[in-house]
C-alpha atoms as a PDB file:
ATOM      1  CA  VAL A   1      27.558  23.057   4.705  1.00  0.00           C
ATOM      2  CA  LYS A   2      27.163  19.438   3.634  1.00  0.00           C
ATOM      3  CA  VAL A   3      25.503  18.997   0.216  1.00  0.00           C
ATOM      4  CA  ILE A   4      23.917  15.621  -0.436  1.00  0.00           C
ATOM      5  CA  LEU A   5      23.276  15.043  -4.097  1.00  0.00           C
ATOM      6  CA  GLU A   6      21.603  11.659  -3.848  1.00  0.00           C
ATOM      7  CA  PRO A   7      19.060  10.810  -1.097  1.00  0.00           C
ATOM      8  CA  LYS A   8      19.181   7.446   0.602  1.00  0.00           C
ATOM      9  CA  VAL A   9      15.944   5.512   1.077  1.00  0.00           C
ATOM     10  CA  THR A  10      15.740   2.461   3.350  1.00  0.00           C
ATOM     11  CA  VAL A  11      12.647   0.249   3.861  1.00  0.00           C
ATOM     12  CA  VAL A  12      12.210  -0.249   7.595  1.00  0.00           C
ATOM     13  CA  SER A  13       8.723  -1.742   7.693  1.00  0.00           C
ATOM     14  CA  LYS A  14       6.284  -3.351   5.239  1.00  0.00           C
ATOM     15  CA  VAL A  15       2.898  -5.058   5.194  1.00  0.00           C
ATOM     16  CA  ASN A  16       2.457  -8.457   6.748  1.00  0.00           C
ATOM     17  CA  PHE A  17      -1.060  -9.575   5.745  1.00  0.00           C
ATOM     18  CA  LEU A  18      -2.729 -11.737   8.389  1.00  0.00           C
ATOM     19  CA  GLU A  19      -5.631 -13.919   7.310  1.00  0.00           C
ATOM     20  CA  HIS A  20      -9.087 -13.161   8.680  1.00  0.00           C
ATOM     21  CA  PRO A  21     -10.483 -16.339  10.230  1.00  0.00           C
ATOM     22  CA  GLU A  22     -13.775 -16.091   8.370  1.00  0.00           C
ATOM     23  CA  TYR A  23     -13.486 -13.773   5.371  1.00  0.00           C
ATOM     24  CA  LYS A  24     -11.206 -15.109   2.645  1.00  0.00           C
ATOM     25  CA  VAL A  25      -9.438 -13.679  -0.428  1.00  0.00           C
ATOM     26  CA  PRO A  26      -7.716 -15.590  -3.239  1.00  0.00           C
ATOM     27  CA  ASP A  27      -4.403 -17.181  -2.217  1.00  0.00           C
ATOM     28  CA  ASP A  28      -2.362 -15.693  -5.040  1.00  0.00           C
ATOM     29  CA  GLY A  29      -0.148 -12.647  -4.726  1.00  0.00           C
ATOM     30  CA  ASP A  30       2.059 -11.101  -2.093  1.00  0.00           C
ATOM     31  CA  ASN A  31       1.123  -9.373   1.172  1.00  0.00           C
ATOM     32  CA  PHE A  32       0.350  -6.087  -0.585  1.00  0.00           C
ATOM     33  CA  THR A  33      -1.978  -7.509  -3.260  1.00  0.00           C
ATOM     34  CA  ARG A  34      -3.770  -9.798  -0.762  1.00  0.00           C
ATOM     35  CA  LEU A  35      -4.326  -6.949   1.723  1.00  0.00           C
ATOM     36  CA  GLY A  36      -5.559  -4.747  -1.120  1.00  0.00           C
ATOM     37  CA  ALA A  37      -7.943  -7.486  -2.210  1.00  0.00           C
ATOM     38  CA  PHE A  38      -9.202  -7.848   1.363  1.00  0.00           C
ATOM     39  CA  ALA A  39      -9.837  -4.090   1.663  1.00  0.00           C
ATOM     40  CA  ALA A  40     -11.662  -4.002  -1.681  1.00  0.00           C
ATOM     41  CA  LYS A  41     -13.760  -7.048  -0.885  1.00  0.00           C
ATOM     42  CA  GLY A  42     -14.673  -5.502   2.445  1.00  0.00           C
ATOM     43  CA  CYS A  43     -15.740  -2.294   0.674  1.00  0.00           C
ATOM     44  CA  TYR A  44     -17.949  -4.203  -1.793  1.00  0.00           C
ATOM     45  CA  ASP A  45     -18.970  -7.022   0.566  1.00  0.00           C
ATOM     46  CA  SER A  46     -17.627  -9.604  -1.882  1.00  0.00           C
ATOM     47  CA  PHE A  47     -15.507 -11.892   0.241  1.00  0.00           C
ATOM     48  CA  GLY A  48     -14.603 -15.345  -1.006  1.00  0.00           C
ATOM     49  CA  GLU A  49     -11.745 -17.012  -2.867  1.00  0.00           C
ATOM     50  CA  GLU A  50     -13.642 -17.013  -6.177  1.00  0.00           C
ATOM     51  CA  GLY A  51     -13.649 -14.032  -8.482  1.00  0.00           C
ATOM     52  CA  ARG A  52     -10.767 -12.191 -10.068  1.00  0.00           C
ATOM     53  CA  ALA A  53      -7.175 -12.785  -9.173  1.00  0.00           C
ATOM     54  CA  ASN A  54      -5.529 -10.387  -6.688  1.00  0.00           C
ATOM     55  CA  LYS A  55      -3.334  -8.880  -9.427  1.00  0.00           C
ATOM     56  CA  ASP A  56      -6.411  -8.156 -11.551  1.00  0.00           C
ATOM     57  CA  ASN A  57      -8.176  -6.737  -8.524  1.00  0.00           C
ATOM     58  CA  GLN A  58      -5.295  -4.315  -7.896  1.00  0.00           C
ATOM     59  CA  SER A  59      -5.362  -3.247 -11.562  1.00  0.00           C
ATOM     60  CA  ALA A  60      -9.101  -2.477 -11.264  1.00  0.00           C
ATOM     61  CA  ILE A  61      -8.525  -0.488  -8.047  1.00  0.00           C
ATOM     62  CA  LEU A  62      -5.906   1.642  -9.805  1.00  0.00           C
ATOM     63  CA  GLU A  63      -8.019   2.008 -12.970  1.00  0.00           C
ATOM     64  CA  TYR A  64     -11.059   3.224 -11.032  1.00  0.00           C
ATOM     65  CA  ARG A  65      -8.895   5.333  -8.687  1.00  0.00           C
ATOM     66  CA  HIS A  66     -10.353   3.799  -5.591  1.00  0.00           C
ATOM     67  CA  GLY A  67      -7.768   5.426  -3.331  1.00  0.00           C
ATOM     68  CA  SER A  68      -9.355   4.542  -0.013  1.00  0.00           C
ATOM     69  CA  VAL A  69      -8.553   0.874  -0.655  1.00  0.00           C
ATOM     70  CA  LEU A  70      -4.892   1.733  -1.298  1.00  0.00           C
ATOM     71  CA  GLU A  71      -4.654   3.583   2.030  1.00  0.00           C
ATOM     72  CA  HIS A  72      -4.597   0.166   3.743  1.00  0.00           C
ATOM     73  CA  LEU A  73      -1.341  -0.714   2.058  1.00  0.00           C
ATOM     74  CA  ASN A  74       1.623   0.759   3.821  1.00  0.00           C
ATOM     75  CA  ILE A  75       5.341   0.698   3.935  1.00  0.00           C
ATOM     76  CA  THR A  76       7.658   2.723   6.163  1.00  0.00           C
ATOM     77  CA  LEU A  77      10.647   4.390   4.580  1.00  0.00           C
ATOM     78  CA  PHE A  78      13.548   6.163   6.236  1.00  0.00           C
ATOM     79  CA  ILE A  79      14.643   8.913   3.851  1.00  0.00           C
ATOM     80  CA  GLU A  80      17.989  10.604   4.360  1.00  0.00           C
ATOM     81  CA  GLY A  81      19.533  13.453   2.489  1.00  0.00           C
ATOM     82  CA  ILE A  82      16.435  15.545   1.700  1.00  0.00           C
ATOM     83  CA  THR A  83      15.641  19.035   2.842  1.00  0.00           C
ATOM     84  CA  ARG A  84      13.272  19.731   5.699  1.00  0.00           C
ATOM     85  CA  GLY A  85      11.063  21.515   3.185  1.00  0.00           C
ATOM     86  CA  LEU A  86      10.761  18.373   1.027  1.00  0.00           C
ATOM     87  CA  SER A  87       9.976  16.199   4.035  1.00  0.00           C
ATOM     88  CA  LEU A  88       7.186  18.619   5.044  1.00  0.00           C
ATOM     89  CA  GLU A  89       5.794  18.583   1.494  1.00  0.00           C
ATOM     90  CA  LEU A  90       5.770  14.769   1.388  1.00  0.00           C
ATOM     91  CA  ASN A  91       3.878  14.671   4.667  1.00  0.00           C
ATOM     92  CA  ARG A  92       1.506  17.497   3.773  1.00  0.00           C
ATOM     93  CA  HIS A  93       0.327  15.719   0.637  1.00  0.00           C
ATOM     94  CA  ARG A  94      -0.148  12.446   2.533  1.00  0.00           C
ATOM     95  CA  THR A  95       2.323  10.731   0.253  1.00  0.00           C
ATOM     96  CA  PHE A  96       4.338   9.798   3.294  1.00  0.00           C
ATOM     97  CA  SER A  97       1.934  10.135   6.176  1.00  0.00           C
END
């Protein structure tokens, strides 16, 4: 029996935000914050580069618990050294789905 005391997590994929040709978001921030801003602006029909900064937009999304916007942000992790039971729980709760 091999006992692994420390899991290993490797990022194998992450967001690459591609601009929409017509609908714009502020140019500040990384791929995650810009995609989050795009999703939020789509939800509220508030496209344009004016308005709050992407970082402030993300803070508001978290404060108001607007989870559907956050579902657009994704990253793929390869997790080693966890039990089958833990992997099933992570998927069941959509944390890693």
